[in-house]
N, C-alpha and C. Protein backbone atom coordinates (compact mmCIF):
# COMPACT_ATOMS: atom_id res chain seq x y z
N MET A 1 0.85 -1.17 -0.01
CA MET A 1 0.00 -0.01 0.00
C MET A 1 0.88 1.22 -0.01
N ARG A 2 0.44 2.26 -0.72
CA ARG A 2 1.25 3.43 -0.85
C ARG A 2 0.43 4.69 -0.48
N LYS A 3 1.15 5.66 -0.11
CA LYS A 3 0.50 6.93 0.26
C LYS A 3 1.29 8.09 -0.33
N LYS A 4 0.69 9.25 -0.21
CA LYS A 4 1.39 10.50 -0.51
C LYS A 4 2.56 10.69 0.42
N THR A 5 3.65 11.11 -0.13
CA THR A 5 4.82 11.38 0.73
C THR A 5 5.12 12.86 0.68
N THR A 6 5.70 13.36 1.74
CA THR A 6 6.16 14.76 1.75
C THR A 6 7.44 14.82 0.93
N GLN A 7 7.66 15.88 0.25
CA GLN A 7 8.86 16.03 -0.59
C GLN A 7 10.01 16.50 0.22
N ASN A 8 11.00 15.72 0.25
CA ASN A 8 12.23 16.05 1.00
C ASN A 8 13.39 15.45 0.29
N ASN A 9 13.85 16.11 -0.79
CA ASN A 9 14.84 15.54 -1.62
C ASN A 9 16.28 15.94 -1.23
N THR A 10 16.43 16.82 -0.31
CA THR A 10 17.72 17.28 0.10
C THR A 10 18.20 16.49 1.29
N SER A 11 19.44 16.01 1.19
CA SER A 11 20.11 15.28 2.30
C SER A 11 19.24 14.13 2.79
N HIS A 12 18.61 13.44 1.84
CA HIS A 12 17.76 12.32 2.27
C HIS A 12 18.55 11.04 2.25
N LYS A 13 18.48 10.33 3.36
CA LYS A 13 19.15 9.05 3.47
C LYS A 13 18.09 8.00 3.62
N SER A 14 18.39 6.82 3.07
CA SER A 14 17.48 5.71 3.17
C SER A 14 17.18 5.34 4.65
N ALA A 15 15.94 5.21 4.93
CA ALA A 15 15.54 4.93 6.33
C ALA A 15 14.51 3.83 6.30
N ASP A 16 14.93 2.61 6.14
CA ASP A 16 14.01 1.50 6.09
C ASP A 16 13.27 1.42 7.44
N GLY A 17 12.01 0.97 7.32
CA GLY A 17 11.20 0.91 8.54
C GLY A 17 10.67 -0.51 8.74
N VAL A 18 9.63 -0.59 9.57
CA VAL A 18 9.02 -1.89 9.86
C VAL A 18 7.50 -1.72 9.89
N ILE A 19 6.80 -2.80 9.63
CA ILE A 19 5.36 -2.88 9.92
C ILE A 19 5.18 -3.96 10.99
N ARG A 20 4.08 -3.83 11.73
CA ARG A 20 3.79 -4.76 12.76
C ARG A 20 2.44 -5.44 12.46
N ILE A 21 2.41 -6.75 12.53
CA ILE A 21 1.20 -7.51 12.38
C ILE A 21 0.45 -7.42 13.68
N ILE A 22 -0.82 -6.97 13.61
CA ILE A 22 -1.50 -6.60 14.86
C ILE A 22 -2.39 -7.72 15.40
N SER A 23 -2.67 -8.76 14.63
CA SER A 23 -3.47 -9.81 15.19
C SER A 23 -3.30 -11.12 14.44
N GLY A 24 -3.82 -12.22 14.97
CA GLY A 24 -3.75 -13.50 14.27
C GLY A 24 -2.53 -14.30 14.64
N GLN A 25 -2.22 -15.31 13.79
CA GLN A 25 -1.17 -16.24 14.05
C GLN A 25 0.21 -15.62 14.06
N PHE A 26 0.39 -14.49 13.37
CA PHE A 26 1.69 -13.76 13.37
C PHE A 26 1.66 -12.54 14.20
N ARG A 27 0.72 -12.45 15.12
CA ARG A 27 0.54 -11.26 15.95
C ARG A 27 1.87 -10.82 16.60
N GLY A 28 2.16 -9.55 16.47
CA GLY A 28 3.35 -8.97 17.09
C GLY A 28 4.60 -9.05 16.26
N ARG A 29 4.56 -9.84 15.14
CA ARG A 29 5.74 -9.95 14.31
C ARG A 29 6.00 -8.62 13.58
N LYS A 30 7.26 -8.25 13.53
CA LYS A 30 7.65 -7.04 12.81
C LYS A 30 8.40 -7.41 11.56
N LEU A 31 7.99 -6.77 10.43
CA LEU A 31 8.55 -7.09 9.13
C LEU A 31 9.21 -5.80 8.57
N PRO A 32 10.42 -5.93 8.02
CA PRO A 32 11.06 -4.74 7.45
C PRO A 32 10.37 -4.21 6.21
N VAL A 33 10.48 -2.92 5.99
CA VAL A 33 9.89 -2.23 4.87
C VAL A 33 10.92 -1.38 4.22
N LYS A 34 11.10 -1.47 2.92
CA LYS A 34 12.05 -0.65 2.21
C LYS A 34 11.60 0.82 2.14
N ASP A 35 12.51 1.70 2.15
CA ASP A 35 12.22 3.13 2.02
C ASP A 35 12.09 3.46 0.51
N VAL A 36 10.91 3.29 0.03
CA VAL A 36 10.63 3.51 -1.43
C VAL A 36 9.74 4.74 -1.55
N GLN A 37 10.02 5.56 -2.53
CA GLN A 37 9.27 6.78 -2.71
C GLN A 37 7.81 6.45 -2.92
N GLY A 38 6.92 7.17 -2.21
CA GLY A 38 5.51 7.00 -2.38
C GLY A 38 4.92 5.92 -1.46
N LEU A 39 5.76 5.22 -0.75
CA LEU A 39 5.28 4.12 0.09
C LEU A 39 5.24 4.57 1.56
N ARG A 40 4.06 4.44 2.17
CA ARG A 40 3.91 4.69 3.60
C ARG A 40 2.83 3.70 4.07
N PRO A 41 3.19 2.81 4.94
CA PRO A 41 2.24 1.79 5.35
C PRO A 41 0.99 2.33 6.02
N THR A 42 -0.12 1.69 5.80
CA THR A 42 -1.36 2.03 6.49
C THR A 42 -1.13 1.91 7.97
N THR A 43 -1.70 2.86 8.73
CA THR A 43 -1.47 2.88 10.16
C THR A 43 -2.12 1.70 10.86
N ASP A 44 -1.58 1.38 12.03
CA ASP A 44 -2.20 0.31 12.83
C ASP A 44 -3.67 0.62 13.17
N ARG A 45 -3.97 1.86 13.40
CA ARG A 45 -5.35 2.27 13.76
C ARG A 45 -6.30 1.98 12.63
N ILE A 46 -5.91 2.31 11.40
CA ILE A 46 -6.78 2.00 10.26
C ILE A 46 -6.85 0.52 10.02
N LYS A 47 -5.72 -0.17 10.12
CA LYS A 47 -5.76 -1.66 9.92
C LYS A 47 -6.66 -2.31 10.96
N GLU A 48 -6.61 -1.84 12.18
CA GLU A 48 -7.48 -2.44 13.19
C GLU A 48 -8.94 -2.26 12.89
N THR A 49 -9.29 -1.04 12.40
CA THR A 49 -10.69 -0.79 12.00
C THR A 49 -11.07 -1.69 10.80
N VAL A 50 -10.24 -1.74 9.80
CA VAL A 50 -10.56 -2.55 8.60
C VAL A 50 -10.75 -3.99 8.93
N PHE A 51 -9.87 -4.54 9.75
CA PHE A 51 -9.97 -5.99 10.03
C PHE A 51 -11.02 -6.29 11.09
N ASN A 52 -11.49 -5.26 11.80
CA ASN A 52 -12.72 -5.44 12.62
C ASN A 52 -13.91 -5.56 11.65
N TRP A 53 -13.88 -4.74 10.62
CA TRP A 53 -14.95 -4.88 9.59
C TRP A 53 -14.96 -6.28 8.97
N LEU A 54 -13.76 -6.80 8.79
CA LEU A 54 -13.59 -8.09 8.08
C LEU A 54 -13.46 -9.30 9.00
N MET A 55 -13.86 -9.10 10.23
CA MET A 55 -13.65 -10.11 11.24
C MET A 55 -14.11 -11.52 10.88
N HIS A 56 -15.25 -11.60 10.19
CA HIS A 56 -15.81 -12.88 9.84
C HIS A 56 -15.61 -13.27 8.36
N ASP A 57 -14.73 -12.53 7.72
CA ASP A 57 -14.57 -12.73 6.27
C ASP A 57 -13.17 -13.04 5.79
N THR A 58 -12.22 -12.97 6.70
CA THR A 58 -10.81 -13.16 6.31
C THR A 58 -10.39 -14.63 6.23
N ARG A 59 -10.82 -15.43 7.16
CA ARG A 59 -10.45 -16.85 7.17
C ARG A 59 -10.86 -17.52 5.85
N ASP A 60 -9.91 -18.20 5.22
CA ASP A 60 -10.13 -18.93 3.99
C ASP A 60 -10.38 -18.05 2.73
N ALA A 61 -10.14 -16.73 2.92
CA ALA A 61 -10.34 -15.83 1.76
C ALA A 61 -9.18 -16.00 0.76
N ARG A 62 -9.54 -15.88 -0.50
CA ARG A 62 -8.59 -15.77 -1.60
C ARG A 62 -8.33 -14.27 -1.79
N THR A 63 -7.14 -13.84 -1.39
CA THR A 63 -6.86 -12.42 -1.20
C THR A 63 -5.91 -11.86 -2.23
N LEU A 64 -6.21 -10.65 -2.73
CA LEU A 64 -5.35 -9.91 -3.61
C LEU A 64 -5.01 -8.58 -3.02
N ASP A 65 -3.71 -8.30 -2.88
CA ASP A 65 -3.23 -7.00 -2.35
C ASP A 65 -2.65 -6.22 -3.52
N CYS A 66 -3.47 -5.34 -4.12
CA CYS A 66 -3.02 -4.52 -5.25
C CYS A 66 -2.17 -3.39 -4.67
N PHE A 67 -1.16 -2.94 -5.49
CA PHE A 67 -0.26 -1.86 -5.07
C PHE A 67 0.26 -2.19 -3.66
N ALA A 68 0.81 -3.38 -3.46
CA ALA A 68 1.05 -3.91 -2.15
C ALA A 68 1.95 -3.09 -1.26
N GLY A 69 3.04 -2.52 -1.86
CA GLY A 69 3.95 -1.69 -1.05
C GLY A 69 4.59 -2.50 0.08
N SER A 70 4.26 -2.14 1.29
CA SER A 70 4.72 -2.86 2.51
C SER A 70 4.06 -4.19 2.69
N GLY A 71 2.90 -4.39 2.09
CA GLY A 71 2.19 -5.64 2.24
C GLY A 71 1.43 -5.72 3.56
N GLY A 72 1.29 -4.60 4.23
CA GLY A 72 0.65 -4.64 5.55
C GLY A 72 -0.74 -5.25 5.57
N LEU A 73 -1.56 -4.94 4.57
CA LEU A 73 -2.90 -5.49 4.53
C LEU A 73 -2.88 -6.96 4.17
N GLY A 74 -2.12 -7.33 3.17
CA GLY A 74 -2.01 -8.71 2.74
C GLY A 74 -1.45 -9.59 3.87
N PHE A 75 -0.43 -9.14 4.57
CA PHE A 75 0.12 -9.94 5.64
C PHE A 75 -0.84 -10.07 6.83
N GLU A 76 -1.61 -9.01 7.05
CA GLU A 76 -2.62 -9.09 8.08
C GLU A 76 -3.66 -10.16 7.79
N ALA A 77 -4.03 -10.22 6.48
CA ALA A 77 -4.99 -11.23 6.03
C ALA A 77 -4.44 -12.62 6.19
N LEU A 78 -3.18 -12.81 5.81
CA LEU A 78 -2.54 -14.12 6.00
C LEU A 78 -2.48 -14.52 7.46
N SER A 79 -2.20 -13.56 8.34
CA SER A 79 -2.11 -13.82 9.77
C SER A 79 -3.46 -14.29 10.27
N ARG A 80 -4.55 -13.80 9.66
CA ARG A 80 -5.90 -14.15 10.11
C ARG A 80 -6.45 -15.28 9.26
N PHE A 81 -5.55 -16.09 8.73
CA PHE A 81 -5.88 -17.39 8.13
C PHE A 81 -6.59 -17.27 6.77
N ALA A 82 -6.22 -16.28 5.98
CA ALA A 82 -6.65 -16.26 4.59
C ALA A 82 -6.14 -17.54 3.92
N LYS A 83 -6.89 -18.02 2.92
CA LYS A 83 -6.49 -19.20 2.18
C LYS A 83 -5.19 -18.97 1.45
N ASN A 84 -5.09 -17.82 0.81
CA ASN A 84 -3.87 -17.42 0.11
C ASN A 84 -3.89 -15.91 -0.14
N THR A 85 -2.73 -15.38 -0.43
CA THR A 85 -2.61 -13.96 -0.75
C THR A 85 -1.64 -13.75 -1.90
N THR A 86 -2.08 -12.96 -2.87
CA THR A 86 -1.21 -12.54 -3.95
C THR A 86 -0.92 -11.05 -3.78
N PHE A 87 0.36 -10.71 -3.74
CA PHE A 87 0.79 -9.32 -3.65
C PHE A 87 1.24 -8.86 -5.01
N ILE A 88 0.74 -7.71 -5.45
CA ILE A 88 1.23 -7.10 -6.71
C ILE A 88 1.96 -5.81 -6.35
N GLU A 89 3.22 -5.72 -6.77
CA GLU A 89 4.03 -4.53 -6.46
C GLU A 89 4.98 -4.25 -7.60
N LEU A 90 4.92 -3.00 -8.08
CA LEU A 90 5.72 -2.58 -9.24
C LEU A 90 7.21 -2.39 -8.86
N ASP A 91 7.45 -1.73 -7.71
CA ASP A 91 8.84 -1.44 -7.36
C ASP A 91 9.64 -2.71 -7.02
N ALA A 92 10.79 -2.86 -7.66
CA ALA A 92 11.54 -4.13 -7.53
C ALA A 92 12.07 -4.32 -6.11
N LEU A 93 12.54 -3.26 -5.47
CA LEU A 93 13.03 -3.41 -4.08
C LEU A 93 11.91 -3.76 -3.11
N ALA A 94 10.79 -3.11 -3.29
CA ALA A 94 9.66 -3.42 -2.40
C ALA A 94 9.16 -4.84 -2.61
N ALA A 95 9.12 -5.28 -3.87
CA ALA A 95 8.68 -6.65 -4.19
C ALA A 95 9.66 -7.67 -3.61
N LYS A 96 10.95 -7.39 -3.70
CA LYS A 96 11.97 -8.29 -3.11
C LYS A 96 11.79 -8.39 -1.62
N GLN A 97 11.48 -7.24 -0.97
CA GLN A 97 11.29 -7.28 0.45
C GLN A 97 10.03 -8.07 0.84
N LEU A 98 8.97 -7.94 0.05
CA LEU A 98 7.79 -8.76 0.28
C LEU A 98 8.08 -10.23 0.22
N THR A 99 8.86 -10.62 -0.79
CA THR A 99 9.25 -12.04 -0.93
C THR A 99 10.05 -12.50 0.26
N GLN A 100 10.95 -11.68 0.73
CA GLN A 100 11.76 -12.04 1.90
C GLN A 100 10.90 -12.17 3.15
N ASN A 101 9.92 -11.27 3.29
CA ASN A 101 9.06 -11.29 4.44
C ASN A 101 8.13 -12.54 4.45
N ILE A 102 7.72 -12.96 3.28
CA ILE A 102 6.93 -14.19 3.12
C ILE A 102 7.79 -15.37 3.62
N ALA A 103 9.05 -15.39 3.22
CA ALA A 103 9.93 -16.45 3.64
C ALA A 103 10.16 -16.39 5.17
N THR A 104 10.28 -15.20 5.71
CA THR A 104 10.48 -15.07 7.16
C THR A 104 9.29 -15.67 7.91
N LEU A 105 8.09 -15.46 7.41
CA LEU A 105 6.91 -16.00 8.08
C LEU A 105 6.64 -17.46 7.70
N ASN A 106 7.44 -17.98 6.75
CA ASN A 106 7.21 -19.34 6.22
C ASN A 106 5.80 -19.50 5.73
N ALA A 107 5.32 -18.49 5.05
CA ALA A 107 3.94 -18.50 4.51
C ALA A 107 3.96 -19.17 3.13
N GLN A 108 3.52 -20.42 3.09
CA GLN A 108 3.57 -21.17 1.86
C GLN A 108 2.40 -20.78 0.91
N ASN A 109 1.44 -20.01 1.41
CA ASN A 109 0.25 -19.71 0.65
C ASN A 109 0.24 -18.25 0.18
N ALA A 110 1.45 -17.69 -0.15
CA ALA A 110 1.56 -16.35 -0.61
C ALA A 110 2.50 -16.23 -1.78
N GLN A 111 2.25 -15.29 -2.65
CA GLN A 111 3.17 -15.05 -3.81
C GLN A 111 3.21 -13.58 -4.11
N VAL A 112 4.33 -13.15 -4.70
CA VAL A 112 4.54 -11.77 -5.09
C VAL A 112 4.68 -11.66 -6.59
N LEU A 113 3.96 -10.75 -7.19
CA LEU A 113 4.09 -10.45 -8.61
C LEU A 113 4.69 -9.09 -8.76
N ASN A 114 5.94 -9.01 -9.27
CA ASN A 114 6.64 -7.74 -9.45
C ASN A 114 6.25 -7.20 -10.83
N THR A 115 5.12 -6.48 -10.85
CA THR A 115 4.62 -6.01 -12.11
C THR A 115 3.66 -4.81 -11.88
N ASN A 116 3.23 -4.21 -12.95
CA ASN A 116 2.30 -3.10 -12.90
C ASN A 116 0.88 -3.67 -12.66
N THR A 117 0.23 -3.22 -11.59
CA THR A 117 -1.08 -3.74 -11.24
C THR A 117 -2.09 -3.61 -12.38
N LEU A 118 -2.17 -2.47 -12.96
CA LEU A 118 -3.19 -2.24 -14.01
C LEU A 118 -2.89 -3.09 -15.25
N THR A 119 -1.62 -3.22 -15.61
CA THR A 119 -1.28 -4.06 -16.77
C THR A 119 -1.64 -5.52 -16.50
N PHE A 120 -1.41 -5.96 -15.30
CA PHE A 120 -1.75 -7.34 -14.90
C PHE A 120 -3.25 -7.58 -14.97
N LEU A 121 -4.04 -6.62 -14.47
CA LEU A 121 -5.51 -6.79 -14.44
C LEU A 121 -6.19 -6.55 -15.76
N GLU A 122 -5.45 -6.04 -16.76
CA GLU A 122 -6.03 -5.86 -18.08
C GLU A 122 -6.36 -7.18 -18.79
N SER A 123 -5.67 -8.24 -18.35
CA SER A 123 -5.96 -9.53 -18.93
C SER A 123 -7.17 -10.17 -18.25
N LYS A 124 -7.89 -10.93 -19.00
CA LYS A 124 -9.04 -11.67 -18.38
C LYS A 124 -8.50 -12.73 -17.46
N ASN A 125 -9.12 -12.85 -16.29
CA ASN A 125 -8.73 -13.88 -15.32
C ASN A 125 -9.23 -15.24 -15.79
N THR A 126 -8.35 -16.19 -15.78
CA THR A 126 -8.76 -17.55 -16.18
C THR A 126 -8.62 -18.59 -15.05
N SER A 127 -8.26 -18.10 -13.85
CA SER A 127 -8.18 -18.99 -12.72
C SER A 127 -9.22 -18.61 -11.67
N GLU A 128 -9.05 -19.16 -10.43
CA GLU A 128 -10.04 -18.89 -9.38
C GLU A 128 -10.08 -17.40 -9.06
N ALA A 129 -11.28 -16.88 -8.90
CA ALA A 129 -11.45 -15.46 -8.64
C ALA A 129 -11.12 -15.18 -7.18
N PHE A 130 -10.87 -13.89 -6.89
CA PHE A 130 -10.57 -13.45 -5.53
C PHE A 130 -11.85 -13.04 -4.82
N ASN A 131 -11.92 -13.27 -3.53
CA ASN A 131 -13.10 -12.83 -2.78
C ASN A 131 -12.75 -11.81 -1.70
N LEU A 132 -11.49 -11.38 -1.64
CA LEU A 132 -11.10 -10.26 -0.78
C LEU A 132 -9.97 -9.54 -1.45
N VAL A 133 -10.18 -8.23 -1.74
CA VAL A 133 -9.20 -7.43 -2.48
C VAL A 133 -8.95 -6.14 -1.74
N PHE A 134 -7.65 -5.79 -1.66
CA PHE A 134 -7.22 -4.55 -1.07
C PHE A 134 -6.70 -3.63 -2.16
N ILE A 135 -7.22 -2.39 -2.25
CA ILE A 135 -6.79 -1.42 -3.23
C ILE A 135 -6.33 -0.17 -2.52
N ASP A 136 -5.06 0.05 -2.44
CA ASP A 136 -4.50 1.20 -1.75
C ASP A 136 -3.36 1.77 -2.58
N PRO A 137 -3.69 2.52 -3.67
CA PRO A 137 -2.69 2.92 -4.61
C PRO A 137 -1.96 4.20 -4.18
N PRO A 138 -0.89 4.55 -4.86
CA PRO A 138 -0.28 5.86 -4.63
C PRO A 138 -1.29 6.98 -4.82
N PHE A 139 -1.19 8.01 -3.99
CA PHE A 139 -2.12 9.13 -4.11
C PHE A 139 -1.90 9.93 -5.40
N ARG A 140 -2.98 10.56 -5.84
CA ARG A 140 -2.98 11.59 -6.90
C ARG A 140 -2.47 11.04 -8.25
N LYS A 141 -2.71 9.77 -8.49
CA LYS A 141 -2.35 9.21 -9.79
C LYS A 141 -3.56 8.61 -10.48
N ASN A 142 -4.75 8.73 -9.87
CA ASN A 142 -5.97 8.27 -10.42
C ASN A 142 -5.93 6.80 -10.76
N LEU A 143 -5.36 5.99 -9.89
CA LEU A 143 -5.21 4.56 -10.15
C LEU A 143 -6.36 3.72 -9.60
N ALA A 144 -7.02 4.20 -8.53
CA ALA A 144 -8.07 3.40 -7.91
C ALA A 144 -9.22 3.15 -8.85
N GLN A 145 -9.64 4.19 -9.62
CA GLN A 145 -10.76 3.99 -10.51
C GLN A 145 -10.49 2.90 -11.54
N SER A 146 -9.34 3.02 -12.21
CA SER A 146 -8.99 2.02 -13.24
C SER A 146 -8.85 0.65 -12.64
N CYS A 147 -8.29 0.54 -11.46
CA CYS A 147 -8.12 -0.76 -10.81
C CYS A 147 -9.48 -1.41 -10.57
N CYS A 148 -10.40 -0.63 -9.99
CA CYS A 148 -11.70 -1.21 -9.66
C CYS A 148 -12.42 -1.65 -10.96
N ASP A 149 -12.37 -0.82 -12.01
CA ASP A 149 -13.03 -1.15 -13.23
C ASP A 149 -12.44 -2.39 -13.88
N LEU A 150 -11.14 -2.56 -13.83
CA LEU A 150 -10.51 -3.76 -14.41
C LEU A 150 -10.86 -5.02 -13.60
N LEU A 151 -10.86 -4.89 -12.30
CA LEU A 151 -11.25 -6.03 -11.45
C LEU A 151 -12.67 -6.51 -11.77
N GLU A 152 -13.55 -5.50 -11.94
CA GLU A 152 -14.97 -5.84 -12.19
C GLU A 152 -15.16 -6.44 -13.58
N ASN A 153 -14.46 -5.86 -14.56
CA ASN A 153 -14.77 -6.23 -15.95
C ASN A 153 -14.04 -7.47 -16.48
N ASN A 154 -12.99 -7.86 -15.75
CA ASN A 154 -12.14 -8.97 -16.27
C ASN A 154 -12.14 -10.23 -15.44
N GLN A 155 -13.26 -10.46 -14.75
CA GLN A 155 -13.53 -11.70 -14.02
C GLN A 155 -12.54 -11.96 -12.88
N TRP A 156 -12.00 -10.93 -12.26
CA TRP A 156 -11.07 -11.16 -11.15
C TRP A 156 -11.78 -11.35 -9.82
N LEU A 157 -13.10 -11.03 -9.75
CA LEU A 157 -13.78 -11.03 -8.47
C LEU A 157 -14.85 -12.11 -8.37
N ASP A 158 -14.89 -12.75 -7.21
CA ASP A 158 -15.95 -13.69 -6.92
C ASP A 158 -17.32 -12.92 -6.87
N SER A 159 -18.38 -13.64 -6.97
CA SER A 159 -19.69 -13.01 -7.06
C SER A 159 -20.03 -12.09 -5.89
N ASP A 160 -19.55 -12.45 -4.68
CA ASP A 160 -19.86 -11.61 -3.51
C ASP A 160 -18.58 -11.14 -2.86
N ALA A 161 -17.56 -10.84 -3.70
CA ALA A 161 -16.28 -10.37 -3.17
C ALA A 161 -16.37 -9.12 -2.33
N LEU A 162 -15.48 -9.01 -1.37
CA LEU A 162 -15.31 -7.78 -0.57
C LEU A 162 -14.10 -7.03 -1.12
N ILE A 163 -14.26 -5.71 -1.26
CA ILE A 163 -13.22 -4.89 -1.83
C ILE A 163 -12.97 -3.71 -0.94
N TYR A 164 -11.74 -3.58 -0.40
CA TYR A 164 -11.34 -2.40 0.39
C TYR A 164 -10.61 -1.41 -0.51
N VAL A 165 -11.08 -0.15 -0.44
CA VAL A 165 -10.49 0.91 -1.24
C VAL A 165 -10.06 2.07 -0.39
N GLU A 166 -8.83 2.55 -0.54
CA GLU A 166 -8.32 3.65 0.23
C GLU A 166 -7.82 4.72 -0.76
N VAL A 167 -8.36 5.93 -0.61
CA VAL A 167 -7.99 7.03 -1.51
C VAL A 167 -7.82 8.31 -0.71
N GLU A 168 -7.22 9.33 -1.36
CA GLU A 168 -7.09 10.64 -0.70
C GLU A 168 -8.45 11.34 -0.63
N THR A 169 -8.64 12.13 0.38
CA THR A 169 -9.94 12.74 0.65
C THR A 169 -10.40 13.64 -0.44
N GLU A 170 -9.48 14.28 -1.17
CA GLU A 170 -9.88 15.25 -2.17
C GLU A 170 -10.28 14.59 -3.50
N LEU A 171 -10.15 13.28 -3.59
CA LEU A 171 -10.52 12.59 -4.80
C LEU A 171 -12.04 12.42 -4.87
N THR A 172 -12.69 13.37 -5.45
CA THR A 172 -14.19 13.35 -5.48
C THR A 172 -14.72 12.64 -6.69
N SER A 173 -13.89 12.34 -7.65
CA SER A 173 -14.37 11.72 -8.90
C SER A 173 -14.49 10.20 -8.84
N PHE A 174 -13.96 9.60 -7.79
CA PHE A 174 -14.01 8.14 -7.72
C PHE A 174 -15.43 7.60 -7.63
N LYS A 175 -15.72 6.63 -8.45
CA LYS A 175 -17.01 5.96 -8.38
C LYS A 175 -16.79 4.46 -8.49
N ALA A 176 -17.25 3.73 -7.50
CA ALA A 176 -17.15 2.26 -7.54
C ALA A 176 -18.10 1.73 -8.63
N PRO A 177 -17.82 0.55 -9.19
CA PRO A 177 -18.79 -0.04 -10.12
C PRO A 177 -20.19 -0.09 -9.55
N SER A 178 -21.20 0.02 -10.36
CA SER A 178 -22.58 0.20 -9.89
C SER A 178 -23.10 -0.97 -9.06
N ASN A 179 -22.50 -2.15 -9.23
CA ASN A 179 -22.97 -3.33 -8.48
C ASN A 179 -22.20 -3.55 -7.22
N TRP A 180 -21.34 -2.60 -6.78
CA TRP A 180 -20.64 -2.69 -5.52
C TRP A 180 -21.41 -1.92 -4.48
N LEU A 181 -21.81 -2.57 -3.43
CA LEU A 181 -22.52 -1.94 -2.33
C LEU A 181 -21.53 -1.41 -1.28
N LEU A 182 -21.63 -0.15 -0.93
CA LEU A 182 -20.81 0.42 0.10
C LEU A 182 -21.29 -0.05 1.46
N ILE A 183 -20.42 -0.76 2.15
CA ILE A 183 -20.80 -1.33 3.47
C ILE A 183 -20.29 -0.46 4.63
N LYS A 184 -19.03 -0.05 4.52
CA LYS A 184 -18.43 0.77 5.61
C LYS A 184 -17.63 1.88 4.96
N GLU A 185 -17.51 3.02 5.69
CA GLU A 185 -16.71 4.12 5.22
C GLU A 185 -16.25 4.97 6.44
N LYS A 186 -14.97 5.35 6.41
CA LYS A 186 -14.45 6.22 7.45
C LYS A 186 -13.38 7.14 6.86
N LYS A 187 -13.10 8.18 7.57
CA LYS A 187 -12.10 9.18 7.18
C LYS A 187 -11.06 9.24 8.31
N ALA A 188 -9.79 9.28 7.95
CA ALA A 188 -8.69 9.44 8.89
C ALA A 188 -7.68 10.40 8.27
N GLY A 189 -7.65 11.64 8.75
CA GLY A 189 -6.69 12.60 8.18
C GLY A 189 -7.00 12.85 6.72
N GLN A 190 -6.02 12.58 5.85
CA GLN A 190 -6.19 12.85 4.41
C GLN A 190 -6.68 11.60 3.65
N VAL A 191 -7.18 10.64 4.37
CA VAL A 191 -7.57 9.36 3.75
C VAL A 191 -9.04 9.05 3.96
N PHE A 192 -9.68 8.61 2.88
CA PHE A 192 -11.01 7.96 2.94
C PHE A 192 -10.75 6.48 2.75
N TYR A 193 -11.30 5.68 3.62
CA TYR A 193 -11.22 4.21 3.39
C TYR A 193 -12.57 3.60 3.47
N ARG A 194 -12.84 2.71 2.53
CA ARG A 194 -14.19 2.19 2.31
C ARG A 194 -14.14 0.69 2.07
N LEU A 195 -15.23 0.01 2.48
CA LEU A 195 -15.39 -1.41 2.20
C LEU A 195 -16.66 -1.63 1.34
N TYR A 196 -16.48 -2.29 0.24
CA TYR A 196 -17.61 -2.57 -0.67
C TYR A 196 -17.85 -4.10 -0.73
N GLN A 197 -19.05 -4.45 -1.08
CA GLN A 197 -19.32 -5.85 -1.41
C GLN A 197 -19.96 -5.92 -2.79
N ARG A 198 -19.44 -6.80 -3.57
CA ARG A 198 -19.90 -6.99 -4.96
C ARG A 198 -21.22 -7.79 -4.93
N HIS A 199 -22.13 -7.39 -5.78
CA HIS A 199 -23.42 -8.12 -5.94
C HIS A 199 -23.68 -8.37 -7.41
N ILE A 200 -24.16 -9.58 -7.71
CA ILE A 200 -24.53 -9.95 -9.10
C ILE A 200 -26.01 -10.29 -9.08
N ASN A 201 -26.73 -9.54 -9.89
CA ASN A 201 -28.18 -9.77 -9.99
C ASN A 201 -28.51 -11.06 -10.73
């Protein structure tokens, strides 16, 4: 997951950080995160709210973490016994760190795709669809809309899939596909985060 970063290009040194898994089988584990431009992990407070929303829906979920970044949401789902998790991350360093963190947790049910999320989703899905998806793209690049439309149109989603979307508060143009029902919504600082459920008539 990525966020807007403050611009500080002078005298900047790499400052790798960590994320903490807040609940489940890996509770309390800390995983390193590369200092990649545009990447700032979702806060523990937001993660706690989101996974309270998903309390009864994470176990055995087929999970996709788009724009994975630190992988905080995907790893949290794995910790709460998701069936599997696929992380998509464009940045090579961040993708490598995700792979290393999967190995650290000995999570046999996770994979990392080092590729462009939108390019990947442009193809029609020919395998099992996902029923839990996290969409937390870099701010101010208008990626959330395209991502949601591709997921909906190219058979990536199960019939009643749950989709978490996080965008900047000033993004007023975002519209979820018409068959996605808004279940939960909250604001935290400069972030709107929402949970939708897909419905097929």
